[in-house]
Amino acid sequence: MELKKIIDGAYLVPMGNANAVLLDAGPELVLIDAGFPGKADKVFEAVTELGRKPTEIKHLVFTHGHPDHIGSAVPLIQATGARTYMHAADVPMVESGGPFRPMKPAPGLVRNIMLRLVFDEKERTAPFRVDQHIADGETLPLAGGLRVIHAPGHCAGQVAFLWQGTRLLIAGDVFINILGAGDPIGFEDEAEGRSSQRKLAALAPQAVCFGHGGSIVKDAASQLQRAATRR
């Protein structure tokens, strides 16, 4: 596979139309999200490409609990013994393996079609235990510090992360970047989602990566601002 560098120490790992993020900034690797089911090998390949070992992944942190972000969690945990982290609002879904809360499509025909194709609230996934509940405003002492930003709307437990000050925003599905930064495919609560988009845009990050689509490493702050105000 082709590991995609975002900034020094941060890499995008394609996980089947969804992305994971690998932070290599110390003796312990941090993986953010786990993609669709059956994609754990993508992470192992990425770690090997960095000259590291899968067992060096000590922390598995989730932006939220949808199946395309937790699907390969169980084999990753089994192979690495990683500690898991998630916002408390989504913990019951993943620890039971579903069902998931319903979403309505974001405005536009494309989002409507995408939601129907890729999201089924009745889907079941392999359950796993979340070791640590995370909350808005705390800084996880991982990879030099991950600041947690609760950003609900797409999903009640959706969080984003700031890494290295404002050098990198890991935005999860608050936005996606397919044909330009914009709405996710759906919202549990659209008004909350809009508020979260404005909240992230106001952080003015230097670079941003998403759960779906390519990263933005130039002019990220202004692109997020445009995405947060576009309707």
C-alpha atoms as a PDB file:
ATOM      1  CA  MET A   1       0.000   0.000   0.000  1.00  0.00           C
ATOM      2  CA  GLU A   2       1.034   3.629  -0.267  1.00  0.00           C
ATOM      3  CA  LEU A   3       1.265   5.261   3.155  1.00  0.00           C
ATOM      4  CA  LYS A   4       0.249   8.904   2.837  1.00  0.00           C
ATOM      5  CA  LYS A   5       2.194  11.392   4.918  1.00  0.00           C
ATOM      6  CA  ILE A   6       0.064  14.261   6.228  1.00  0.00           C
ATOM      7  CA  ILE A   7       2.698  16.108   8.234  1.00  0.00           C
ATOM      8  CA  ASP A   8       5.843  14.867   9.981  1.00  0.00           C
ATOM      9  CA  GLY A   9       4.853  12.020  12.270  1.00  0.00           C
ATOM     10  CA  ALA A  10       1.257  11.704  11.017  1.00  0.00           C
ATOM     11  CA  TYR A  11       0.149   9.354   8.252  1.00  0.00           C
ATOM     12  CA  LEU A  12      -3.153   8.591   6.546  1.00  0.00           C
ATOM     13  CA  VAL A  13      -3.942   4.873   6.266  1.00  0.00           C
ATOM     14  CA  PRO A  14      -6.624   4.075   3.646  1.00  0.00           C
ATOM     15  CA  MET A  15      -9.031   1.523   5.162  1.00  0.00           C
ATOM     16  CA  GLY A  16     -11.555   0.825   2.403  1.00  0.00           C
ATOM     17  CA  ASN A  17     -13.184   4.171   1.542  1.00  0.00           C
ATOM     18  CA  ALA A  18     -12.473   5.314   5.082  1.00  0.00           C
ATOM     19  CA  ASN A  19      -9.253   6.504   6.660  1.00  0.00           C
ATOM     20  CA  ALA A  20      -7.314   5.732   9.796  1.00  0.00           C
ATOM     21  CA  VAL A  21      -4.547   8.016  11.067  1.00  0.00           C
ATOM     22  CA  LEU A  22      -1.266   6.688  12.407  1.00  0.00           C
ATOM     23  CA  LEU A  23       0.793   8.894  14.730  1.00  0.00           C
ATOM     24  CA  ASP A  24       4.465   7.983  14.927  1.00  0.00           C
ATOM     25  CA  ALA A  25       5.848  10.412  17.490  1.00  0.00           C
ATOM     26  CA  GLY A  26       7.532   8.344  20.142  1.00  0.00           C
ATOM     27  CA  PRO A  27       8.114   4.767  21.266  1.00  0.00           C
ATOM     28  CA  GLU A  28       4.371   3.996  21.231  1.00  0.00           C
ATOM     29  CA  LEU A  29       2.306   4.243  18.043  1.00  0.00           C
ATOM     30  CA  VAL A  30      -1.185   5.740  18.173  1.00  0.00           C
ATOM     31  CA  LEU A  31      -3.879   4.659  15.707  1.00  0.00           C
ATOM     32  CA  ILE A  32      -6.977   6.779  15.253  1.00  0.00           C
ATOM     33  CA  ASP A  33      -9.977   4.832  13.891  1.00  0.00           C
ATOM     34  CA  ALA A  34     -10.139   1.321  12.487  1.00  0.00           C
ATOM     35  CA  GLY A  35     -11.945   1.531   9.149  1.00  0.00           C
ATOM     36  CA  PHE A  36     -14.312  -1.013   7.647  1.00  0.00           C
ATOM     37  CA  PRO A  37     -14.296  -4.695   8.658  1.00  0.00           C
ATOM     38  CA  GLY A  38     -11.586  -6.848   7.101  1.00  0.00           C
ATOM     39  CA  LYS A  39      -9.049  -4.036   6.775  1.00  0.00           C
ATOM     40  CA  ALA A  40      -6.681  -4.699   9.687  1.00  0.00           C
ATOM     41  CA  ASP A  41      -3.949  -5.828   7.257  1.00  0.00           C
ATOM     42  CA  LYS A  42      -3.880  -2.280   5.865  1.00  0.00           C
ATOM     43  CA  VAL A  43      -2.737  -1.029   9.257  1.00  0.00           C
ATOM     44  CA  PHE A  44      -0.138  -3.782   9.628  1.00  0.00           C
ATOM     45  CA  GLU A  45       1.235  -2.963   6.171  1.00  0.00           C
ATOM     46  CA  ALA A  46       1.428   0.727   7.049  1.00  0.00           C
ATOM     47  CA  VAL A  47       3.277   0.043  10.294  1.00  0.00           C
ATOM     48  CA  THR A  48       5.741  -2.213   8.506  1.00  0.00           C
ATOM     49  CA  GLU A  49       6.280   0.479   5.884  1.00  0.00           C
ATOM     50  CA  LEU A  50       7.344   2.809   8.695  1.00  0.00           C
ATOM     51  CA  GLY A  51       9.858   0.231   9.907  1.00  0.00           C
ATOM     52  CA  ARG A  52       7.814  -0.443  13.055  1.00  0.00           C
ATOM     53  CA  LYS A  53       6.000  -3.512  14.411  1.00  0.00           C
ATOM     54  CA  PRO A  54       2.218  -3.911  14.872  1.00  0.00           C
ATOM     55  CA  THR A  55       2.771  -4.619  18.567  1.00  0.00           C
ATOM     56  CA  GLU A  56       4.077  -1.057  18.887  1.00  0.00           C
ATOM     57  CA  ILE A  57       0.492   0.202  18.422  1.00  0.00           C
ATOM     58  CA  LYS A  58      -0.361   0.770  22.070  1.00  0.00           C
ATOM     59  CA  HIS A  59      -3.361   3.085  21.710  1.00  0.00           C
ATOM     60  CA  LEU A  60      -6.457   2.830  19.484  1.00  0.00           C
ATOM     61  CA  VAL A  61      -8.462   6.061  19.616  1.00  0.00           C
ATOM     62  CA  PHE A  62     -11.816   6.549  17.882  1.00  0.00           C
ATOM     63  CA  THR A  63     -13.381   9.665  16.434  1.00  0.00           C
ATOM     64  CA  HIS A  64     -16.818   8.015  16.736  1.00  0.00           C
ATOM     65  CA  GLY A  65     -18.582   4.668  16.791  1.00  0.00           C
ATOM     66  CA  HIS A  66     -19.903   4.150  13.263  1.00  0.00           C
ATOM     67  CA  PRO A  67     -19.163   0.805  11.559  1.00  0.00           C
ATOM     68  CA  ASP A  68     -16.785   2.348   8.996  1.00  0.00           C
ATOM     69  CA  HIS A  69     -14.597   3.621  11.833  1.00  0.00           C
ATOM     70  CA  ILE A  70     -14.661   0.624  14.176  1.00  0.00           C
ATOM     71  CA  GLY A  71     -15.023  -2.282  11.738  1.00  0.00           C
ATOM     72  CA  SER A  72     -11.502  -3.704  12.103  1.00  0.00           C
ATOM     73  CA  ALA A  73     -11.113  -2.821  15.767  1.00  0.00           C
ATOM     74  CA  VAL A  74     -11.366  -6.364  17.143  1.00  0.00           C
ATOM     75  CA  PRO A  75      -8.544  -7.938  15.078  1.00  0.00           C
ATOM     76  CA  LEU A  76      -6.385  -4.876  15.700  1.00  0.00           C
ATOM     77  CA  ILE A  77      -6.930  -5.116  19.444  1.00  0.00           C
ATOM     78  CA  GLN A  78      -6.278  -8.867  19.396  1.00  0.00           C
ATOM     79  CA  ALA A  79      -3.021  -8.421  17.482  1.00  0.00           C
ATOM     80  CA  THR A  80      -1.673  -5.444  19.422  1.00  0.00           C
ATOM     81  CA  GLY A  81      -3.289  -5.386  22.865  1.00  0.00           C
ATOM     82  CA  ALA A  82      -3.900  -1.668  22.314  1.00  0.00           C
ATOM     83  CA  ARG A  83      -5.815   0.398  24.862  1.00  0.00           C
ATOM     84  CA  THR A  84      -9.049   1.820  23.421  1.00  0.00           C
ATOM     85  CA  TYR A  85     -10.530   5.324  23.749  1.00  0.00           C
ATOM     86  CA  MET A  86     -13.954   6.734  22.760  1.00  0.00           C
ATOM     87  CA  HIS A  87     -16.495   9.371  23.790  1.00  0.00           C
ATOM     88  CA  ALA A  88     -19.005   7.949  26.271  1.00  0.00           C
ATOM     89  CA  ALA A  89     -22.005   8.704  24.011  1.00  0.00           C
ATOM     90  CA  ASP A  90     -20.931   6.036  21.519  1.00  0.00           C
ATOM     91  CA  VAL A  91     -19.609   3.415  23.912  1.00  0.00           C
ATOM     92  CA  PRO A  92     -22.911   1.497  24.291  1.00  0.00           C
ATOM     93  CA  MET A  93     -23.157   1.008  20.518  1.00  0.00           C
ATOM     94  CA  VAL A  94     -19.698  -0.465  20.105  1.00  0.00           C
ATOM     95  CA  GLU A  95     -19.772  -2.568  23.245  1.00  0.00           C
ATOM     96  CA  SER A  96     -23.041  -4.163  22.081  1.00  0.00           C
ATOM     97  CA  GLY A  97     -22.065  -4.328  18.394  1.00  0.00           C
ATOM     98  CA  GLY A  98     -25.071  -2.232  17.323  1.00  0.00           C
ATOM     99  CA  PRO A  99     -27.679  -1.355  16.259  1.00  0.00           C
ATOM    100  CA  PHE A 100     -26.651   2.219  15.500  1.00  0.00           C
ATOM    101  CA  ARG A 101     -28.542   5.470  15.834  1.00  0.00           C
ATOM    102  CA  PRO A 102     -30.403   6.551  12.665  1.00  0.00           C
ATOM    103  CA  MET A 103     -29.115   9.351  10.447  1.00  0.00           C
ATOM    104  CA  LYS A 104     -30.808  11.578   7.910  1.00  0.00           C
ATOM    105  CA  PRO A 105     -28.892  12.404   4.722  1.00  0.00           C
ATOM    106  CA  ALA A 106     -27.082  15.702   4.456  1.00  0.00           C
ATOM    107  CA  PRO A 107     -28.550  18.064   1.832  1.00  0.00           C
ATOM    108  CA  GLY A 108     -28.005  17.082  -1.794  1.00  0.00           C
ATOM    109  CA  LEU A 109     -28.670  14.098  -3.997  1.00  0.00           C
ATOM    110  CA  VAL A 110     -25.113  12.728  -3.786  1.00  0.00           C
ATOM    111  CA  ARG A 111     -25.155  12.579   0.029  1.00  0.00           C
ATOM    112  CA  ASN A 112     -28.608  10.992  -0.056  1.00  0.00           C
ATOM    113  CA  ILE A 113     -27.386   8.226  -2.346  1.00  0.00           C
ATOM    114  CA  MET A 114     -24.135   7.719  -0.411  1.00  0.00           C
ATOM    115  CA  LEU A 115     -25.970   7.363   2.894  1.00  0.00           C
ATOM    116  CA  ARG A 116     -28.285   4.714   1.478  1.00  0.00           C
ATOM    117  CA  LEU A 117     -25.336   2.813   0.002  1.00  0.00           C
ATOM    118  CA  VAL A 118     -22.971   2.726   2.966  1.00  0.00           C
ATOM    119  CA  PHE A 119     -24.968   3.128   6.195  1.00  0.00           C
ATOM    120  CA  ASP A 120     -27.419   0.685   7.720  1.00  0.00           C
ATOM    121  CA  GLU A 121     -28.434   1.477  11.288  1.00  0.00           C
ATOM    122  CA  LYS A 122     -29.333  -2.194  11.800  1.00  0.00           C
ATOM    123  CA  GLU A 123     -25.824  -3.376  10.901  1.00  0.00           C
ATOM    124  CA  ARG A 124     -23.993  -5.414  13.510  1.00  0.00           C
ATOM    125  CA  THR A 125     -20.264  -5.284  14.180  1.00  0.00           C
ATOM    126  CA  ALA A 126     -17.969  -7.319  16.404  1.00  0.00           C
ATOM    127  CA  PRO A 127     -18.288  -5.791  19.886  1.00  0.00           C
ATOM    128  CA  PHE A 128     -15.308  -4.732  21.947  1.00  0.00           C
ATOM    129  CA  ARG A 129     -14.630  -3.067  25.291  1.00  0.00           C
ATOM    130  CA  VAL A 130     -13.713   0.611  25.459  1.00  0.00           C
ATOM    131  CA  ASP A 131     -11.022   1.058  28.097  1.00  0.00           C
ATOM    132  CA  GLN A 132     -11.216   4.829  28.514  1.00  0.00           C
ATOM    133  CA  HIS A 133     -14.052   7.306  27.962  1.00  0.00           C
ATOM    134  CA  ILE A 134     -12.835  10.643  26.622  1.00  0.00           C
ATOM    135  CA  ALA A 135     -14.437  14.068  26.995  1.00  0.00           C
ATOM    136  CA  ASP A 136     -14.376  17.512  25.456  1.00  0.00           C
ATOM    137  CA  GLY A 137     -11.419  19.661  26.419  1.00  0.00           C
ATOM    138  CA  GLU A 138      -9.158  16.987  27.844  1.00  0.00           C
ATOM    139  CA  THR A 139      -5.717  16.313  26.434  1.00  0.00           C
ATOM    140  CA  LEU A 140      -4.760  12.683  26.079  1.00  0.00           C
ATOM    141  CA  PRO A 141      -1.063  12.142  26.881  1.00  0.00           C
ATOM    142  CA  LEU A 142      -0.487  10.299  23.608  1.00  0.00           C
ATOM    143  CA  ALA A 143       2.011  11.129  20.849  1.00  0.00           C
ATOM    144  CA  GLY A 144       2.926  14.327  22.665  1.00  0.00           C
ATOM    145  CA  GLY A 145      -0.693  15.287  23.412  1.00  0.00           C
ATOM    146  CA  LEU A 146      -4.052  14.899  21.674  1.00  0.00           C
ATOM    147  CA  ARG A 147      -6.619  17.565  22.535  1.00  0.00           C
ATOM    148  CA  VAL A 148     -10.197  16.232  22.428  1.00  0.00           C
ATOM    149  CA  ILE A 149     -12.921  18.355  20.828  1.00  0.00           C
ATOM    150  CA  HIS A 150     -16.474  17.041  21.152  1.00  0.00           C
ATOM    151  CA  ALA A 151     -18.187  17.779  17.830  1.00  0.00           C
ATOM    152  CA  PRO A 152     -21.604  16.048  17.716  1.00  0.00           C
ATOM    153  CA  GLY A 153     -24.143  16.182  14.922  1.00  0.00           C
ATOM    154  CA  HIS A 154     -23.012  13.518  12.490  1.00  0.00           C
ATOM    155  CA  CYS A 155     -22.822  11.215  15.508  1.00  0.00           C
ATOM    156  CA  ALA A 156     -23.510  12.006  19.175  1.00  0.00           C
ATOM    157  CA  GLY A 157     -20.096  10.734  20.246  1.00  0.00           C
ATOM    158  CA  GLN A 158     -18.160  12.361  17.396  1.00  0.00           C
ATOM    159  CA  VAL A 159     -14.902  13.944  18.485  1.00  0.00           C
ATOM    160  CA  ALA A 160     -12.080  15.604  16.628  1.00  0.00           C
ATOM    161  CA  PHE A 161      -8.477  15.911  17.786  1.00  0.00           C
ATOM    162  CA  LEU A 162      -5.881  18.659  17.664  1.00  0.00           C
ATOM    163  CA  TRP A 163      -2.300  17.465  17.533  1.00  0.00           C
ATOM    164  CA  GLN A 164       0.852  19.533  17.996  1.00  0.00           C
ATOM    165  CA  GLY A 165      -1.049  22.687  18.864  1.00  0.00           C
ATOM    166  CA  THR A 166      -2.951  23.625  15.712  1.00  0.00           C
ATOM    167  CA  ARG A 167      -0.576  21.876  13.303  1.00  0.00           C
ATOM    168  CA  LEU A 168      -3.040  19.078  12.573  1.00  0.00           C
ATOM    169  CA  LEU A 169      -6.787  18.726  13.047  1.00  0.00           C
ATOM    170  CA  ILE A 170      -8.073  15.159  12.828  1.00  0.00           C
ATOM    171  CA  ALA A 171     -11.674  15.946  11.912  1.00  0.00           C
ATOM    172  CA  GLY A 172     -13.332  12.534  11.739  1.00  0.00           C
ATOM    173  CA  ASP A 173     -16.661  12.893   9.925  1.00  0.00           C
ATOM    174  CA  VAL A 174     -17.547  16.424  10.983  1.00  0.00           C
ATOM    175  CA  PHE A 175     -16.580  17.139   7.366  1.00  0.00           C
ATOM    176  CA  ILE A 176     -15.574  14.843   4.539  1.00  0.00           C
ATOM    177  CA  ASN A 177     -13.266  15.839   1.691  1.00  0.00           C
ATOM    178  CA  ILE A 178     -14.636  14.168  -1.420  1.00  0.00           C
ATOM    179  CA  LEU A 179     -14.782  16.640  -4.323  1.00  0.00           C
ATOM    180  CA  GLY A 180     -13.929  19.353  -1.813  1.00  0.00           C
ATOM    181  CA  ALA A 181     -14.418  19.745   1.917  1.00  0.00           C
ATOM    182  CA  GLY A 182     -18.085  19.658   2.872  1.00  0.00           C
ATOM    183  CA  ASP A 183     -20.826  17.881   4.764  1.00  0.00           C
ATOM    184  CA  PRO A 184     -20.652  14.274   5.906  1.00  0.00           C
ATOM    185  CA  ILE A 185     -23.100  11.909   4.247  1.00  0.00           C
ATOM    186  CA  GLY A 186     -25.610  12.334   7.043  1.00  0.00           C
ATOM    187  CA  PHE A 187     -26.498  13.803  10.416  1.00  0.00           C
ATOM    188  CA  GLU A 188     -28.115  12.493  13.548  1.00  0.00           C
ATOM    189  CA  ASP A 189     -28.772  16.160  14.335  1.00  0.00           C
ATOM    190  CA  GLU A 190     -28.056  18.632  11.542  1.00  0.00           C
ATOM    191  CA  ALA A 191     -28.201  21.752  13.720  1.00  0.00           C
ATOM    192  CA  GLU A 192     -25.611  20.258  16.074  1.00  0.00           C
ATOM    193  CA  GLY A 193     -23.535  19.233  13.073  1.00  0.00           C
ATOM    194  CA  ARG A 194     -23.499  22.784  11.700  1.00  0.00           C
ATOM    195  CA  SER A 195     -22.428  24.119  15.078  1.00  0.00           C
ATOM    196  CA  SER A 196     -19.621  21.561  15.236  1.00  0.00           C
ATOM    197  CA  GLN A 197     -18.446  22.518  11.748  1.00  0.00           C
ATOM    198  CA  ARG A 198     -18.190  26.161  12.790  1.00  0.00           C
ATOM    199  CA  LYS A 199     -16.407  25.119  15.986  1.00  0.00           C
ATOM    200  CA  LEU A 200     -13.726  23.211  14.090  1.00  0.00           C
ATOM    201  CA  ALA A 201     -13.313  25.904  11.438  1.00  0.00           C
ATOM    202  CA  ALA A 202     -12.689  28.486  14.178  1.00  0.00           C
ATOM    203  CA  LEU A 203      -9.666  26.495  15.351  1.00  0.00           C
ATOM    204  CA  ALA A 204      -7.798  27.583  12.186  1.00  0.00           C
ATOM    205  CA  PRO A 205      -5.600  24.470  11.841  1.00  0.00           C
ATOM    206  CA  GLN A 206      -2.571  24.421   9.582  1.00  0.00           C
ATOM    207  CA  ALA A 207      -3.519  20.991   8.193  1.00  0.00           C
ATOM    208  CA  VAL A 208      -6.607  18.814   8.445  1.00  0.00           C
ATOM    209  CA  CYS A 209      -7.394  15.171   7.711  1.00  0.00           C
ATOM    210  CA  PHE A 210     -10.755  13.473   7.423  1.00  0.00           C
ATOM    211  CA  GLY A 211     -12.408  10.116   7.899  1.00  0.00           C
ATOM    212  CA  HIS A 212     -13.218  10.123   4.181  1.00  0.00           C
ATOM    213  CA  GLY A 213     -11.242  11.784   1.401  1.00  0.00           C
ATOM    214  CA  GLY A 214      -7.836  13.398   1.115  1.00  0.00           C
ATOM    215  CA  SER A 215      -6.063  15.589   3.631  1.00  0.00           C
ATOM    216  CA  ILE A 216      -5.618  19.348   3.270  1.00  0.00           C
ATOM    217  CA  VAL A 217      -2.098  20.527   4.052  1.00  0.00           C
ATOM    218  CA  LYS A 218      -2.211  23.996   2.487  1.00  0.00           C
ATOM    219  CA  ASP A 219      -4.730  26.754   3.149  1.00  0.00           C
ATOM    220  CA  ALA A 220      -6.575  24.431   5.526  1.00  0.00           C
ATOM    221  CA  ALA A 221      -8.067  27.132   7.743  1.00  0.00           C
ATOM    222  CA  SER A 222      -9.724  29.044   4.916  1.00  0.00           C
ATOM    223  CA  GLN A 223     -10.971  25.862   3.223  1.00  0.00           C
ATOM    224  CA  LEU A 224     -12.622  24.704   6.455  1.00  0.00           C
ATOM    225  CA  GLN A 225     -14.135  28.125   6.943  1.00  0.00           C
ATOM    226  CA  ARG A 226     -15.665  28.014   3.473  1.00  0.00           C
ATOM    227  CA  ALA A 227     -16.963  24.489   4.092  1.00  0.00           C
ATOM    228  CA  ALA A 228     -18.536  25.548   7.403  1.00  0.00           C
ATOM    229  CA  THR A 229     -20.445  28.428   5.796  1.00  0.00           C
ATOM    230  CA  ARG A 230     -21.381  26.769   2.488  1.00  0.00           C
ATOM    231  CA  ARG A 231     -24.956  25.497   2.115  1.00  0.00           C
END
